[in-house]
Amino acid sequence: MAKSSSRPKAKRPPRSLPPRLPALAADQLRPEQQALVAAISSSPRGGFTMSGPFAVYLHAPVFGQLAQQLGAHVRYGTSVPPRLSEFAILCTASFWKAQYEWFAHAAIAEKRGVKPATIRALQAGRAPKSAPRDEMAIYAFVKELYATRRVSQPVFARVQKLLGDAGIVELVGILGYYAMVAMTLNVFRMPVPDGTPTPFAEPKGK
């Protein structure tokens, strides 16, 4: 009688659940959907991809136009330095465990000057203790806001001193927009590109 192997069977990686909205064919878009594609393509983003939040926005193109305009502004048009803006976006992606948002912005954040060790810490859900002081001030602001839905005066004052009145308003706008993007990606199960590992573990049955 053959002995059973004592080696544990290798676990298969969990299959990601399919997106909740049907994919739209580029050659069958309605005029308002084509207008949304054109607007995104002509923005500073430099192109349109049928993935991520934009693929969702196509199903509600009037909303999508307004959302992408706000998105272009909070990403490219604020007084918040790009490094700190991308850092705040990664804090948001980590909080929401938004797979596509993290995939899209982790590399951008590194190019903007966020340290790889900081990015790894945020992905793991840890405080980025080796990050510079300005990033740690943003981290404390974001963590407290998401955890308590309020920001204490000392935490507020540090970021206000760092960014100024306009900058702290814009930071809250950045967080709000990318929280909306994260919710969009999570609710509609928008995947990362094929062959790309998911940055976060997915909760079962969601």
N, C-alpha and C. Protein backbone atom coordinates (compact mmCIF):
# COMPACT_ATOMS: atom_id res chain seq x y z
N MET A 1 0.84 -1.20 0.00
CA MET A 1 0.00 0.00 0.00
C MET A 1 0.87 1.24 0.00
N ALA A 2 0.63 2.13 -0.91
CA ALA A 2 1.46 3.32 -1.04
C ALA A 2 1.20 4.27 0.11
N LYS A 3 2.31 4.79 0.67
CA LYS A 3 2.20 5.74 1.75
C LYS A 3 1.82 7.12 1.21
N SER A 4 0.95 7.78 1.94
CA SER A 4 0.58 9.14 1.52
C SER A 4 1.71 10.10 1.86
N SER A 5 1.91 11.05 1.02
CA SER A 5 2.97 12.03 1.22
C SER A 5 2.64 12.92 2.41
N SER A 6 3.68 13.23 3.21
CA SER A 6 3.49 14.12 4.35
C SER A 6 3.62 15.60 3.96
N ARG A 7 4.00 15.85 2.71
CA ARG A 7 4.17 17.23 2.28
C ARG A 7 2.81 17.90 2.10
N PRO A 8 2.66 19.11 2.60
CA PRO A 8 1.38 19.80 2.38
C PRO A 8 1.21 20.18 0.91
N LYS A 9 0.00 20.06 0.46
CA LYS A 9 -0.26 20.42 -0.93
C LYS A 9 -0.11 21.93 -1.12
N ALA A 10 0.51 22.30 -2.23
CA ALA A 10 0.69 23.73 -2.51
C ALA A 10 -0.67 24.39 -2.72
N LYS A 11 -0.83 25.52 -2.10
CA LYS A 11 -2.09 26.24 -2.23
C LYS A 11 -2.10 27.05 -3.52
N ARG A 12 -3.20 26.97 -4.19
CA ARG A 12 -3.35 27.80 -5.38
C ARG A 12 -3.66 29.23 -4.97
N PRO A 13 -3.12 30.20 -5.71
CA PRO A 13 -3.46 31.58 -5.38
C PRO A 13 -4.96 31.81 -5.57
N PRO A 14 -5.59 32.59 -4.69
CA PRO A 14 -7.03 32.79 -4.81
C PRO A 14 -7.38 33.50 -6.12
N ARG A 15 -8.46 33.05 -6.73
CA ARG A 15 -8.90 33.69 -7.96
C ARG A 15 -9.62 34.99 -7.63
N SER A 16 -9.28 36.02 -8.37
CA SER A 16 -9.98 37.29 -8.15
C SER A 16 -11.39 37.18 -8.73
N LEU A 17 -12.32 37.82 -8.06
CA LEU A 17 -13.69 37.80 -8.53
C LEU A 17 -13.84 38.67 -9.76
N PRO A 18 -14.77 38.35 -10.65
CA PRO A 18 -14.90 39.12 -11.89
C PRO A 18 -15.47 40.51 -11.62
N PRO A 19 -15.15 41.47 -12.50
CA PRO A 19 -15.74 42.81 -12.36
C PRO A 19 -17.27 42.74 -12.38
N ARG A 20 -17.91 43.70 -11.74
CA ARG A 20 -19.37 43.69 -11.62
C ARG A 20 -20.07 44.41 -12.76
N LEU A 21 -19.33 45.10 -13.59
CA LEU A 21 -19.93 45.77 -14.74
C LEU A 21 -19.34 45.18 -16.02
N PRO A 22 -20.14 45.10 -17.07
CA PRO A 22 -19.62 44.54 -18.32
C PRO A 22 -18.58 45.45 -18.95
N ALA A 23 -17.59 44.84 -19.60
CA ALA A 23 -16.61 45.62 -20.34
C ALA A 23 -17.27 46.22 -21.58
N LEU A 24 -16.91 47.44 -21.91
CA LEU A 24 -17.48 48.13 -23.06
C LEU A 24 -16.49 48.10 -24.22
N ALA A 25 -17.01 47.81 -25.41
CA ALA A 25 -16.16 47.80 -26.60
C ALA A 25 -15.91 49.23 -27.07
N ALA A 26 -14.65 49.54 -27.36
CA ALA A 26 -14.28 50.91 -27.74
C ALA A 26 -15.00 51.37 -29.01
N ASP A 27 -15.32 50.44 -29.90
CA ASP A 27 -15.96 50.83 -31.16
C ASP A 27 -17.48 50.89 -31.06
N GLN A 28 -18.02 50.69 -29.86
CA GLN A 28 -19.47 50.74 -29.68
C GLN A 28 -19.90 51.77 -28.64
N LEU A 29 -19.03 52.73 -28.36
CA LEU A 29 -19.34 53.73 -27.35
C LEU A 29 -20.30 54.79 -27.89
N ARG A 30 -21.18 55.25 -27.01
CA ARG A 30 -22.08 56.34 -27.37
C ARG A 30 -21.32 57.66 -27.43
N PRO A 31 -21.89 58.68 -28.05
CA PRO A 31 -21.17 59.96 -28.17
C PRO A 31 -20.68 60.51 -26.84
N GLU A 32 -21.50 60.45 -25.79
CA GLU A 32 -21.06 61.00 -24.51
C GLU A 32 -19.94 60.17 -23.89
N GLN A 33 -19.92 58.86 -24.19
CA GLN A 33 -18.82 58.02 -23.72
C GLN A 33 -17.55 58.33 -24.51
N GLN A 34 -17.69 58.54 -25.81
CA GLN A 34 -16.54 58.92 -26.64
C GLN A 34 -15.96 60.26 -26.18
N ALA A 35 -16.84 61.18 -25.77
CA ALA A 35 -16.38 62.48 -25.29
C ALA A 35 -15.58 62.32 -24.01
N LEU A 36 -15.99 61.40 -23.15
CA LEU A 36 -15.25 61.15 -21.92
C LEU A 36 -13.87 60.58 -22.23
N VAL A 37 -13.81 59.63 -23.14
CA VAL A 37 -12.52 59.07 -23.55
C VAL A 37 -11.61 60.16 -24.10
N ALA A 38 -12.16 61.03 -24.93
CA ALA A 38 -11.37 62.11 -25.53
C ALA A 38 -10.87 63.08 -24.46
N ALA A 39 -11.72 63.39 -23.48
CA ALA A 39 -11.32 64.32 -22.43
C ALA A 39 -10.18 63.75 -21.59
N ILE A 40 -10.27 62.49 -21.25
CA ILE A 40 -9.21 61.86 -20.46
C ILE A 40 -7.93 61.75 -21.27
N SER A 41 -8.06 61.42 -22.55
CA SER A 41 -6.89 61.27 -23.41
C SER A 41 -6.15 62.59 -23.60
N SER A 42 -6.88 63.70 -23.59
CA SER A 42 -6.25 65.01 -23.81
C SER A 42 -5.82 65.67 -22.51
N SER A 43 -6.03 65.02 -21.39
CA SER A 43 -5.65 65.57 -20.08
C SER A 43 -4.17 65.30 -19.83
N PRO A 44 -3.61 65.84 -18.74
CA PRO A 44 -2.20 65.56 -18.44
C PRO A 44 -1.88 64.09 -18.22
N ARG A 45 -2.89 63.25 -18.04
CA ARG A 45 -2.63 61.81 -17.86
C ARG A 45 -1.99 61.20 -19.11
N GLY A 46 -2.29 61.77 -20.27
CA GLY A 46 -1.62 61.34 -21.49
C GLY A 46 -2.27 60.20 -22.23
N GLY A 47 -3.41 59.72 -21.80
CA GLY A 47 -4.05 58.63 -22.51
C GLY A 47 -5.18 58.03 -21.71
N PHE A 48 -5.98 57.23 -22.39
CA PHE A 48 -7.11 56.54 -21.77
C PHE A 48 -6.85 55.05 -21.82
N THR A 49 -7.13 54.36 -20.72
CA THR A 49 -7.07 52.90 -20.70
C THR A 49 -8.43 52.36 -20.25
N MET A 50 -8.85 51.28 -20.85
CA MET A 50 -10.13 50.67 -20.52
C MET A 50 -9.96 49.80 -19.28
N SER A 51 -9.61 50.45 -18.18
CA SER A 51 -9.36 49.74 -16.94
C SER A 51 -9.51 50.73 -15.79
N GLY A 52 -9.45 50.21 -14.56
CA GLY A 52 -9.49 51.09 -13.41
C GLY A 52 -10.77 51.90 -13.33
N PRO A 53 -10.71 53.08 -12.70
CA PRO A 53 -11.93 53.86 -12.51
C PRO A 53 -12.52 54.38 -13.81
N PHE A 54 -11.68 54.63 -14.81
CA PHE A 54 -12.20 55.19 -16.06
C PHE A 54 -13.14 54.22 -16.76
N ALA A 55 -12.85 52.92 -16.66
CA ALA A 55 -13.74 51.93 -17.26
C ALA A 55 -15.09 51.93 -16.56
N VAL A 56 -15.10 52.24 -15.26
CA VAL A 56 -16.37 52.36 -14.54
C VAL A 56 -17.09 53.64 -14.93
N TYR A 57 -16.36 54.74 -14.99
CA TYR A 57 -16.96 56.03 -15.32
C TYR A 57 -17.68 56.01 -16.67
N LEU A 58 -17.22 55.17 -17.58
CA LEU A 58 -17.87 55.10 -18.90
C LEU A 58 -19.33 54.69 -18.80
N HIS A 59 -19.69 53.97 -17.76
CA HIS A 59 -21.07 53.55 -17.59
C HIS A 59 -21.96 54.70 -17.11
N ALA A 60 -21.37 55.77 -16.63
CA ALA A 60 -22.09 56.98 -16.22
C ALA A 60 -21.28 58.18 -16.70
N PRO A 61 -21.25 58.42 -18.02
CA PRO A 61 -20.29 59.36 -18.59
C PRO A 61 -20.44 60.80 -18.14
N VAL A 62 -21.65 61.25 -17.81
CA VAL A 62 -21.80 62.62 -17.32
C VAL A 62 -21.11 62.76 -15.96
N PHE A 63 -21.38 61.81 -15.07
CA PHE A 63 -20.66 61.77 -13.81
C PHE A 63 -19.17 61.62 -14.05
N GLY A 64 -18.80 60.76 -14.99
CA GLY A 64 -17.39 60.52 -15.29
C GLY A 64 -16.65 61.76 -15.71
N GLN A 65 -17.31 62.62 -16.49
CA GLN A 65 -16.67 63.87 -16.91
C GLN A 65 -16.33 64.73 -15.71
N LEU A 66 -17.28 64.89 -14.81
CA LEU A 66 -17.04 65.71 -13.63
C LEU A 66 -15.97 65.09 -12.73
N ALA A 67 -16.03 63.78 -12.58
CA ALA A 67 -15.06 63.10 -11.71
C ALA A 67 -13.66 63.20 -12.28
N GLN A 68 -13.51 63.00 -13.60
CA GLN A 68 -12.16 63.04 -14.16
C GLN A 68 -11.60 64.46 -14.15
N GLN A 69 -12.45 65.47 -14.27
CA GLN A 69 -11.97 66.85 -14.19
C GLN A 69 -11.42 67.14 -12.79
N LEU A 70 -12.17 66.72 -11.77
CA LEU A 70 -11.69 66.89 -10.40
C LEU A 70 -10.41 66.08 -10.20
N GLY A 71 -10.38 64.86 -10.72
CA GLY A 71 -9.20 64.03 -10.57
C GLY A 71 -7.97 64.65 -11.20
N ALA A 72 -8.12 65.21 -12.39
CA ALA A 72 -6.98 65.86 -13.06
C ALA A 72 -6.48 67.03 -12.23
N HIS A 73 -7.42 67.78 -11.63
CA HIS A 73 -6.99 68.95 -10.85
C HIS A 73 -6.27 68.53 -9.58
N VAL A 74 -6.85 67.57 -8.82
CA VAL A 74 -6.22 67.22 -7.55
C VAL A 74 -4.89 66.49 -7.77
N ARG A 75 -4.71 65.88 -8.92
CA ARG A 75 -3.44 65.19 -9.18
C ARG A 75 -2.38 66.14 -9.73
N TYR A 76 -2.78 67.07 -10.61
CA TYR A 76 -1.79 67.90 -11.30
C TYR A 76 -1.87 69.39 -10.98
N GLY A 77 -2.95 69.86 -10.38
CA GLY A 77 -3.16 71.29 -10.30
C GLY A 77 -3.13 71.92 -8.93
N THR A 78 -2.76 71.18 -7.89
CA THR A 78 -2.79 71.76 -6.55
C THR A 78 -1.40 72.29 -6.17
N SER A 79 -1.37 72.97 -5.03
CA SER A 79 -0.10 73.48 -4.51
C SER A 79 0.63 72.44 -3.66
N VAL A 80 0.01 71.29 -3.41
CA VAL A 80 0.65 70.23 -2.62
C VAL A 80 1.79 69.64 -3.45
N PRO A 81 3.02 69.58 -2.93
CA PRO A 81 4.13 69.02 -3.71
C PRO A 81 3.80 67.61 -4.19
N PRO A 82 4.20 67.26 -5.42
CA PRO A 82 3.85 65.94 -5.97
C PRO A 82 4.25 64.77 -5.08
N ARG A 83 5.39 64.86 -4.42
CA ARG A 83 5.80 63.76 -3.54
C ARG A 83 4.79 63.56 -2.41
N LEU A 84 4.37 64.65 -1.80
CA LEU A 84 3.42 64.54 -0.70
C LEU A 84 2.03 64.16 -1.19
N SER A 85 1.67 64.63 -2.37
CA SER A 85 0.38 64.26 -2.95
C SER A 85 0.32 62.75 -3.22
N GLU A 86 1.37 62.22 -3.84
CA GLU A 86 1.39 60.79 -4.13
C GLU A 86 1.49 59.97 -2.85
N PHE A 87 2.20 60.49 -1.86
CA PHE A 87 2.25 59.82 -0.56
C PHE A 87 0.86 59.72 0.05
N ALA A 88 0.10 60.82 -0.01
CA ALA A 88 -1.26 60.81 0.53
C ALA A 88 -2.16 59.84 -0.24
N ILE A 89 -1.96 59.74 -1.55
CA ILE A 89 -2.73 58.80 -2.37
C ILE A 89 -2.43 57.36 -1.94
N LEU A 90 -1.15 57.06 -1.69
CA LEU A 90 -0.81 55.71 -1.23
C LEU A 90 -1.38 55.42 0.14
N CYS A 91 -1.42 56.42 1.03
CA CYS A 91 -2.05 56.23 2.34
C CYS A 91 -3.52 55.84 2.16
N THR A 92 -4.17 56.50 1.20
CA THR A 92 -5.58 56.21 0.93
C THR A 92 -5.75 54.82 0.33
N ALA A 93 -4.91 54.49 -0.65
CA ALA A 93 -4.99 53.17 -1.27
C ALA A 93 -4.75 52.07 -0.24
N SER A 94 -3.82 52.30 0.69
CA SER A 94 -3.54 51.31 1.72
C SER A 94 -4.73 51.17 2.66
N PHE A 95 -5.32 52.28 3.08
CA PHE A 95 -6.46 52.23 3.99
C PHE A 95 -7.62 51.45 3.38
N TRP A 96 -7.91 51.71 2.11
CA TRP A 96 -9.04 51.07 1.44
C TRP A 96 -8.68 49.72 0.82
N LYS A 97 -7.38 49.36 0.88
CA LYS A 97 -6.91 48.13 0.22
C LYS A 97 -7.38 48.11 -1.25
N ALA A 98 -7.18 49.24 -1.90
CA ALA A 98 -7.62 49.41 -3.29
C ALA A 98 -6.51 48.92 -4.22
N GLN A 99 -6.72 47.74 -4.80
CA GLN A 99 -5.67 47.07 -5.57
C GLN A 99 -5.19 47.93 -6.75
N TYR A 100 -6.13 48.37 -7.57
CA TYR A 100 -5.73 49.10 -8.78
C TYR A 100 -5.12 50.45 -8.43
N GLU A 101 -5.67 51.12 -7.43
CA GLU A 101 -5.14 52.43 -7.04
C GLU A 101 -3.68 52.30 -6.59
N TRP A 102 -3.41 51.26 -5.80
CA TRP A 102 -2.02 51.05 -5.38
C TRP A 102 -1.14 50.72 -6.58
N PHE A 103 -1.62 49.81 -7.43
CA PHE A 103 -0.85 49.44 -8.63
C PHE A 103 -0.53 50.68 -9.47
N ALA A 104 -1.49 51.58 -9.63
CA ALA A 104 -1.30 52.74 -10.50
C ALA A 104 -0.38 53.78 -9.89
N HIS A 105 -0.33 53.89 -8.56
CA HIS A 105 0.36 55.02 -7.95
C HIS A 105 1.64 54.66 -7.20
N ALA A 106 1.89 53.41 -6.89
CA ALA A 106 3.11 53.08 -6.16
C ALA A 106 4.36 53.47 -6.95
N ALA A 107 4.39 53.14 -8.23
CA ALA A 107 5.56 53.48 -9.05
C ALA A 107 5.67 54.99 -9.24
N ILE A 108 4.53 55.67 -9.39
CA ILE A 108 4.55 57.12 -9.54
C ILE A 108 5.10 57.76 -8.27
N ALA A 109 4.66 57.27 -7.11
CA ALA A 109 5.13 57.82 -5.84
C ALA A 109 6.65 57.69 -5.71
N GLU A 110 7.17 56.54 -6.11
CA GLU A 110 8.62 56.36 -6.03
C GLU A 110 9.34 57.34 -6.96
N LYS A 111 8.82 57.53 -8.15
CA LYS A 111 9.43 58.49 -9.08
C LYS A 111 9.38 59.91 -8.53
N ARG A 112 8.35 60.21 -7.75
CA ARG A 112 8.21 61.55 -7.17
C ARG A 112 9.05 61.73 -5.91
N GLY A 113 9.73 60.65 -5.47
CA GLY A 113 10.65 60.79 -4.35
C GLY A 113 10.27 60.08 -3.08
N VAL A 114 9.15 59.34 -3.06
CA VAL A 114 8.80 58.56 -1.86
C VAL A 114 9.73 57.35 -1.81
N LYS A 115 10.35 57.11 -0.66
CA LYS A 115 11.34 56.05 -0.53
C LYS A 115 10.68 54.67 -0.68
N PRO A 116 11.39 53.72 -1.32
CA PRO A 116 10.85 52.35 -1.42
C PRO A 116 10.49 51.75 -0.07
N ALA A 117 11.30 52.02 0.97
CA ALA A 117 11.00 51.46 2.30
C ALA A 117 9.69 52.03 2.84
N THR A 118 9.42 53.29 2.53
CA THR A 118 8.16 53.91 2.95
C THR A 118 6.99 53.26 2.24
N ILE A 119 7.15 53.01 0.95
CA ILE A 119 6.09 52.39 0.16
C ILE A 119 5.81 50.98 0.67
N ARG A 120 6.86 50.23 0.99
CA ARG A 120 6.67 48.87 1.52
C ARG A 120 5.95 48.90 2.86
N ALA A 121 6.28 49.85 3.70
CA ALA A 121 5.62 49.94 5.01
C ALA A 121 4.14 50.25 4.85
N LEU A 122 3.81 51.20 3.98
CA LEU A 122 2.40 51.53 3.77
C LEU A 122 1.64 50.34 3.21
N GLN A 123 2.24 49.61 2.29
CA GLN A 123 1.57 48.44 1.71
C GLN A 123 1.31 47.38 2.77
N ALA A 124 2.22 47.27 3.72
CA ALA A 124 2.06 46.28 4.79
C ALA A 124 1.17 46.78 5.92
N GLY A 125 0.70 48.02 5.82
CA GLY A 125 -0.16 48.56 6.86
C GLY A 125 0.59 49.05 8.09
N ARG A 126 1.89 49.32 7.92
CA ARG A 126 2.71 49.81 9.03
C ARG A 126 2.97 51.30 8.90
N ALA A 127 3.27 51.94 10.02
CA ALA A 127 3.70 53.34 9.99
C ALA A 127 5.07 53.42 9.31
N PRO A 128 5.26 54.34 8.37
CA PRO A 128 6.55 54.46 7.67
C PRO A 128 7.55 55.24 8.52
N LYS A 129 8.14 54.59 9.51
CA LYS A 129 8.92 55.28 10.53
C LYS A 129 10.19 55.94 9.98
N SER A 130 10.68 55.49 8.83
CA SER A 130 11.88 56.09 8.26
C SER A 130 11.56 57.22 7.28
N ALA A 131 10.29 57.53 7.12
CA ALA A 131 9.89 58.59 6.20
C ALA A 131 10.30 59.96 6.76
N PRO A 132 10.50 60.94 5.89
CA PRO A 132 10.83 62.28 6.38
C PRO A 132 9.68 62.91 7.15
N ARG A 133 10.00 63.98 7.86
CA ARG A 133 9.03 64.58 8.77
C ARG A 133 7.77 65.06 8.06
N ASP A 134 7.93 65.63 6.87
CA ASP A 134 6.73 66.14 6.19
C ASP A 134 5.79 65.00 5.82
N GLU A 135 6.33 63.86 5.39
CA GLU A 135 5.48 62.72 5.09
C GLU A 135 4.84 62.16 6.36
N MET A 136 5.58 62.15 7.46
CA MET A 136 5.00 61.66 8.71
C MET A 136 3.88 62.57 9.20
N ALA A 137 4.00 63.87 8.95
CA ALA A 137 2.91 64.79 9.31
C ALA A 137 1.66 64.49 8.49
N ILE A 138 1.86 64.22 7.19
CA ILE A 138 0.73 63.85 6.33
C ILE A 138 0.15 62.51 6.79
N TYR A 139 1.02 61.56 7.12
CA TYR A 139 0.56 60.24 7.55
C TYR A 139 -0.31 60.34 8.80
N ALA A 140 0.14 61.13 9.78
CA ALA A 140 -0.63 61.29 11.01
C ALA A 140 -1.99 61.92 10.74
N PHE A 141 -2.01 62.89 9.83
CA PHE A 141 -3.26 63.56 9.44
C PHE A 141 -4.22 62.56 8.80
N VAL A 142 -3.71 61.81 7.82
CA VAL A 142 -4.56 60.86 7.09
C VAL A 142 -5.04 59.75 8.01
N LYS A 143 -4.14 59.20 8.80
CA LYS A 143 -4.51 58.08 9.68
C LYS A 143 -5.58 58.51 10.67
N GLU A 144 -5.41 59.70 11.27
CA GLU A 144 -6.38 60.15 12.25
C GLU A 144 -7.72 60.48 11.60
N LEU A 145 -7.68 61.09 10.43
CA LEU A 145 -8.92 61.43 9.74
C LEU A 145 -9.70 60.18 9.38
N TYR A 146 -9.04 59.17 8.84
CA TYR A 146 -9.74 57.95 8.44
C TYR A 146 -10.20 57.14 9.65
N ALA A 147 -9.42 57.18 10.74
CA ALA A 147 -9.77 56.37 11.91
C ALA A 147 -10.89 57.00 12.74
N THR A 148 -10.87 58.34 12.88
CA THR A 148 -11.81 59.00 13.80
C THR A 148 -12.80 59.93 13.09
N ARG A 149 -12.58 60.14 11.79
CA ARG A 149 -13.40 61.06 11.00
C ARG A 149 -13.28 62.51 11.49
N ARG A 150 -12.23 62.78 12.23
CA ARG A 150 -11.88 64.11 12.71
C ARG A 150 -10.36 64.23 12.72
N VAL A 151 -9.85 65.47 12.87
CA VAL A 151 -8.42 65.69 13.00
C VAL A 151 -8.18 66.61 14.19
N SER A 152 -7.34 66.18 15.11
CA SER A 152 -7.06 66.97 16.31
C SER A 152 -6.27 68.24 15.94
N GLN A 153 -6.31 69.22 16.81
CA GLN A 153 -5.67 70.49 16.52
C GLN A 153 -4.16 70.38 16.33
N PRO A 154 -3.43 69.63 17.16
CA PRO A 154 -1.98 69.52 16.92
C PRO A 154 -1.64 68.91 15.56
N VAL A 155 -2.37 67.87 15.18
CA VAL A 155 -2.13 67.23 13.87
C VAL A 155 -2.48 68.19 12.74
N PHE A 156 -3.60 68.89 12.88
CA PHE A 156 -4.01 69.87 11.89
C PHE A 156 -2.97 70.98 11.76
N ALA A 157 -2.50 71.48 12.89
CA ALA A 157 -1.57 72.62 12.88
C ALA A 157 -0.26 72.27 12.18
N ARG A 158 0.24 71.05 12.38
CA ARG A 158 1.49 70.66 11.71
C ARG A 158 1.34 70.67 10.20
N VAL A 159 0.23 70.15 9.71
CA VAL A 159 0.03 70.11 8.26
C VAL A 159 -0.29 71.50 7.72
N GLN A 160 -1.02 72.29 8.47
CA GLN A 160 -1.30 73.66 8.05
C GLN A 160 0.00 74.46 7.93
N LYS A 161 0.91 74.28 8.87
CA LYS A 161 2.20 74.96 8.81
C LYS A 161 3.01 74.48 7.60
N LEU A 162 2.88 73.22 7.29
CA LEU A 162 3.62 72.61 6.18
C LEU A 162 3.09 73.05 4.82
N LEU A 163 1.76 73.06 4.66
CA LEU A 163 1.16 73.27 3.35
C LEU A 163 0.51 74.64 3.18
N GLY A 164 0.19 75.32 4.28
CA GLY A 164 -0.56 76.56 4.19
C GLY A 164 -2.06 76.30 4.13
N ASP A 165 -2.83 77.38 4.17
CA ASP A 165 -4.29 77.24 4.19
C ASP A 165 -4.82 76.59 2.91
N ALA A 166 -4.36 77.08 1.76
CA ALA A 166 -4.83 76.50 0.49
C ALA A 166 -4.40 75.05 0.37
N GLY A 167 -3.17 74.77 0.75
CA GLY A 167 -2.65 73.42 0.61
C GLY A 167 -3.38 72.40 1.45
N ILE A 168 -3.75 72.78 2.67
CA ILE A 168 -4.44 71.80 3.52
C ILE A 168 -5.86 71.56 3.02
N VAL A 169 -6.49 72.59 2.44
CA VAL A 169 -7.80 72.37 1.80
C VAL A 169 -7.64 71.41 0.63
N GLU A 170 -6.59 71.62 -0.17
CA GLU A 170 -6.36 70.76 -1.34
C GLU A 170 -6.01 69.35 -0.92
N LEU A 171 -5.27 69.20 0.18
CA LEU A 171 -4.95 67.85 0.67
C LEU A 171 -6.22 67.09 1.01
N VAL A 172 -7.15 67.74 1.71
CA VAL A 172 -8.42 67.07 2.02
C VAL A 172 -9.14 66.70 0.73
N GLY A 173 -9.07 67.57 -0.28
CA GLY A 173 -9.67 67.24 -1.57
C GLY A 173 -9.02 66.05 -2.23
N ILE A 174 -7.69 65.96 -2.15
CA ILE A 174 -6.97 64.80 -2.70
C ILE A 174 -7.44 63.52 -2.01
N LEU A 175 -7.51 63.57 -0.69
CA LEU A 175 -7.94 62.39 0.05
C LEU A 175 -9.37 62.00 -0.30
N GLY A 176 -10.24 63.00 -0.40
CA GLY A 176 -11.63 62.71 -0.72
C GLY A 176 -11.79 62.12 -2.10
N TYR A 177 -11.08 62.69 -3.09
CA TYR A 177 -11.21 62.16 -4.45
C TYR A 177 -10.69 60.73 -4.52
N TYR A 178 -9.51 60.49 -3.96
CA TYR A 178 -8.95 59.15 -4.09
C TYR A 178 -9.64 58.13 -3.19
N ALA A 179 -10.31 58.58 -2.14
CA ALA A 179 -11.19 57.67 -1.41
C ALA A 179 -12.37 57.27 -2.28
N MET A 180 -12.92 58.23 -3.03
CA MET A 180 -14.01 57.91 -3.96
C MET A 180 -13.53 56.92 -5.02
N VAL A 181 -12.33 57.15 -5.55
CA VAL A 181 -11.78 56.23 -6.54
C VAL A 181 -11.60 54.84 -5.93
N ALA A 182 -11.08 54.79 -4.72
CA ALA A 182 -10.88 53.50 -4.06
C ALA A 182 -12.20 52.76 -3.87
N MET A 183 -13.23 53.48 -3.43
CA MET A 183 -14.54 52.85 -3.28
C MET A 183 -15.07 52.35 -4.61
N THR A 184 -14.87 53.15 -5.66
CA THR A 184 -15.31 52.74 -7.00
C THR A 184 -14.62 51.45 -7.42
N LEU A 185 -13.31 51.41 -7.25
CA LEU A 185 -12.55 50.22 -7.63
C LEU A 185 -12.96 48.99 -6.83
N ASN A 186 -13.17 49.18 -5.54
CA ASN A 186 -13.50 48.04 -4.69
C ASN A 186 -14.92 47.53 -4.92
N VAL A 187 -15.87 48.46 -5.03
CA VAL A 187 -17.27 48.05 -5.23
C VAL A 187 -17.43 47.30 -6.55
N PHE A 188 -16.79 47.80 -7.59
CA PHE A 188 -16.97 47.21 -8.92
C PHE A 188 -15.90 46.18 -9.26
N ARG A 189 -15.06 45.84 -8.27
CA ARG A 189 -14.06 44.77 -8.42
C ARG A 189 -13.16 44.98 -9.63
N MET A 190 -12.60 46.17 -9.76
CA MET A 190 -11.74 46.44 -10.92
C MET A 190 -10.36 45.84 -10.66
N PRO A 191 -9.92 44.95 -11.54
CA PRO A 191 -8.68 44.20 -11.28
C PRO A 191 -7.43 44.96 -11.72
N VAL A 192 -6.30 44.54 -11.20
CA VAL A 192 -5.03 44.99 -11.74
C VAL A 192 -4.80 44.26 -13.06
N PRO A 193 -3.88 44.71 -13.90
CA PRO A 193 -3.64 44.03 -15.17
C PRO A 193 -3.27 42.57 -15.00
N ASP A 194 -3.61 41.76 -15.99
CA ASP A 194 -3.27 40.34 -15.96
C ASP A 194 -1.78 40.14 -15.73
N GLY A 195 -1.45 39.20 -14.86
CA GLY A 195 -0.06 38.90 -14.57
C GLY A 195 0.55 39.76 -13.50
N THR A 196 -0.20 40.74 -12.99
CA THR A 196 0.30 41.62 -11.94
C THR A 196 -0.19 41.11 -10.58
N PRO A 197 0.70 40.89 -9.63
CA PRO A 197 0.24 40.43 -8.30
C PRO A 197 -0.63 41.50 -7.64
N THR A 198 -1.65 41.05 -6.92
CA THR A 198 -2.46 42.01 -6.18
C THR A 198 -1.68 42.50 -4.96
N PRO A 199 -1.68 43.81 -4.71
CA PRO A 199 -0.89 44.33 -3.60
C PRO A 199 -1.41 43.93 -2.22
N PHE A 200 -2.72 43.65 -2.11
CA PHE A 200 -3.32 43.37 -0.82
C PHE A 200 -4.13 42.08 -0.88
N ALA A 201 -4.25 41.42 0.25
CA ALA A 201 -5.11 40.24 0.34
C ALA A 201 -6.56 40.68 0.23
N GLU A 202 -7.33 39.94 -0.54
CA GLU A 202 -8.74 40.24 -0.71
C GLU A 202 -9.56 39.52 0.35
N PRO A 203 -10.53 40.21 0.97
CA PRO A 203 -11.41 39.50 1.90
C PRO A 203 -12.27 38.48 1.15
N LYS A 204 -12.51 37.36 1.78
CA LYS A 204 -13.25 36.29 1.13
C LYS A 204 -14.72 36.66 0.93
N GLY A 205 -15.24 36.26 -0.21
CA GLY A 205 -16.66 36.40 -0.46
C GLY A 205 -17.15 37.80 -0.78
N LYS A 206 -16.24 38.72 -1.05
CA LYS A 206 -16.63 40.10 -1.35
C LYS A 206 -16.53 40.38 -2.85
